[in-house]
């Protein structure tokens, strides 16, 4: 049985520390998501990325506005 793909927002980071801090703050903010290996479709940065379903986009955009959360890029993919 093949897994069904779904649209996701993927946030990449320059450092592992940035990724782990984002994960902590994302969970504290109630976001449903997790750290994943950077998908091959995206150039690797630190090797970790945050993945959330597309329906989390509004809450995720609010979190990305915080100056203490550093990220390299955001992408929309079917995962």
Protein backbone atom coordinates (compact mmCIF):
# COMPACT_ATOMS: atom_id res chain seq x y z
CA UNK A 1 0.00 0.00 0.00
CA UNK A 2 1.52 3.33 -1.09
CA UNK A 3 1.45 6.25 1.30
CA UNK A 4 -0.69 9.16 0.24
CA UNK A 5 1.21 12.39 -0.38
CA UNK A 6 -0.01 15.65 1.12
CA UNK A 7 0.92 19.32 0.67
CA UNK A 8 3.39 20.45 3.31
CA UNK A 9 5.35 23.53 4.30
CA UNK A 10 9.04 22.80 4.83
CA UNK A 11 11.28 25.25 6.69
CA UNK A 12 15.05 24.85 6.29
CA UNK A 13 17.78 26.08 8.63
CA UNK A 14 21.45 27.01 8.44
CA UNK A 15 22.35 25.27 11.69
CA UNK A 16 21.14 22.31 13.71
CA UNK A 17 20.82 24.61 16.73
CA UNK A 18 18.38 26.85 14.81
CA UNK A 19 16.34 23.80 13.78
CA UNK A 20 16.13 22.42 17.30
CA UNK A 21 15.18 25.81 18.78
CA UNK A 22 12.48 26.20 16.13
CA UNK A 23 11.13 22.74 16.95
CA UNK A 24 10.94 23.63 20.65
CA UNK A 25 9.22 26.96 20.01
CA UNK A 26 6.89 25.46 17.41
CA UNK A 27 5.66 22.83 19.83
CA UNK A 28 5.25 25.45 22.58
CA UNK A 29 3.13 27.48 20.11
CA UNK A 30 0.94 24.44 19.50
CA UNK A 31 2.09 23.76 15.94
CA UNK A 32 1.65 20.26 14.62
CA UNK A 33 4.86 19.44 12.84
CA UNK A 34 8.26 17.86 13.29
CA UNK A 35 11.86 17.92 12.25
CA UNK A 36 12.68 15.79 9.22
CA UNK A 37 15.75 15.25 7.05
CA UNK A 38 15.85 17.93 4.34
CA UNK A 39 14.00 16.50 1.30
CA UNK A 40 16.16 15.87 -1.77
CA UNK A 41 14.09 18.38 -3.75
CA UNK A 42 15.58 21.11 -1.53
CA UNK A 43 19.29 21.84 -1.30
CA UNK A 44 20.69 20.62 1.99
CA UNK A 45 21.59 23.21 4.58
CA UNK A 46 22.13 21.79 8.05
CA UNK A 47 20.35 18.57 7.08
CA UNK A 48 17.25 19.19 9.20
CA UNK A 49 13.98 20.84 8.23
CA UNK A 50 10.65 21.51 9.97
CA UNK A 51 7.63 20.01 8.23
CA UNK A 52 4.01 21.01 8.84
CA UNK A 53 0.86 20.29 6.88
CA UNK A 54 -0.35 23.12 4.68
CA UNK A 55 -3.32 23.77 6.98
CA UNK A 56 -0.81 24.96 9.64
CA UNK A 57 0.51 27.69 7.32
CA UNK A 58 -1.13 30.67 9.05
CA UNK A 59 0.16 29.74 12.51
CA UNK A 60 3.55 28.90 11.02
CA UNK A 61 3.80 32.30 9.29
CA UNK A 62 3.09 34.00 12.63
CA UNK A 63 5.94 32.05 14.23
CA UNK A 64 8.33 32.87 11.38
CA UNK A 65 7.90 36.58 12.14
CA UNK A 66 9.72 36.20 15.46
CA UNK A 67 13.24 37.69 15.27
CA UNK A 68 14.67 34.99 17.57
CA UNK A 69 13.76 32.19 15.16
CA UNK A 70 16.32 31.97 12.37
CA UNK A 71 15.60 29.99 9.22
CA UNK A 72 17.14 29.68 5.76
CA UNK A 73 14.05 29.19 3.59
CA UNK A 74 10.47 27.99 3.26
CA UNK A 75 9.14 25.64 0.63
CA UNK A 76 5.84 24.05 -0.29
CA UNK A 77 6.11 20.40 -1.35
CA UNK A 78 3.99 17.31 -1.64
CA UNK A 79 5.43 14.86 0.88
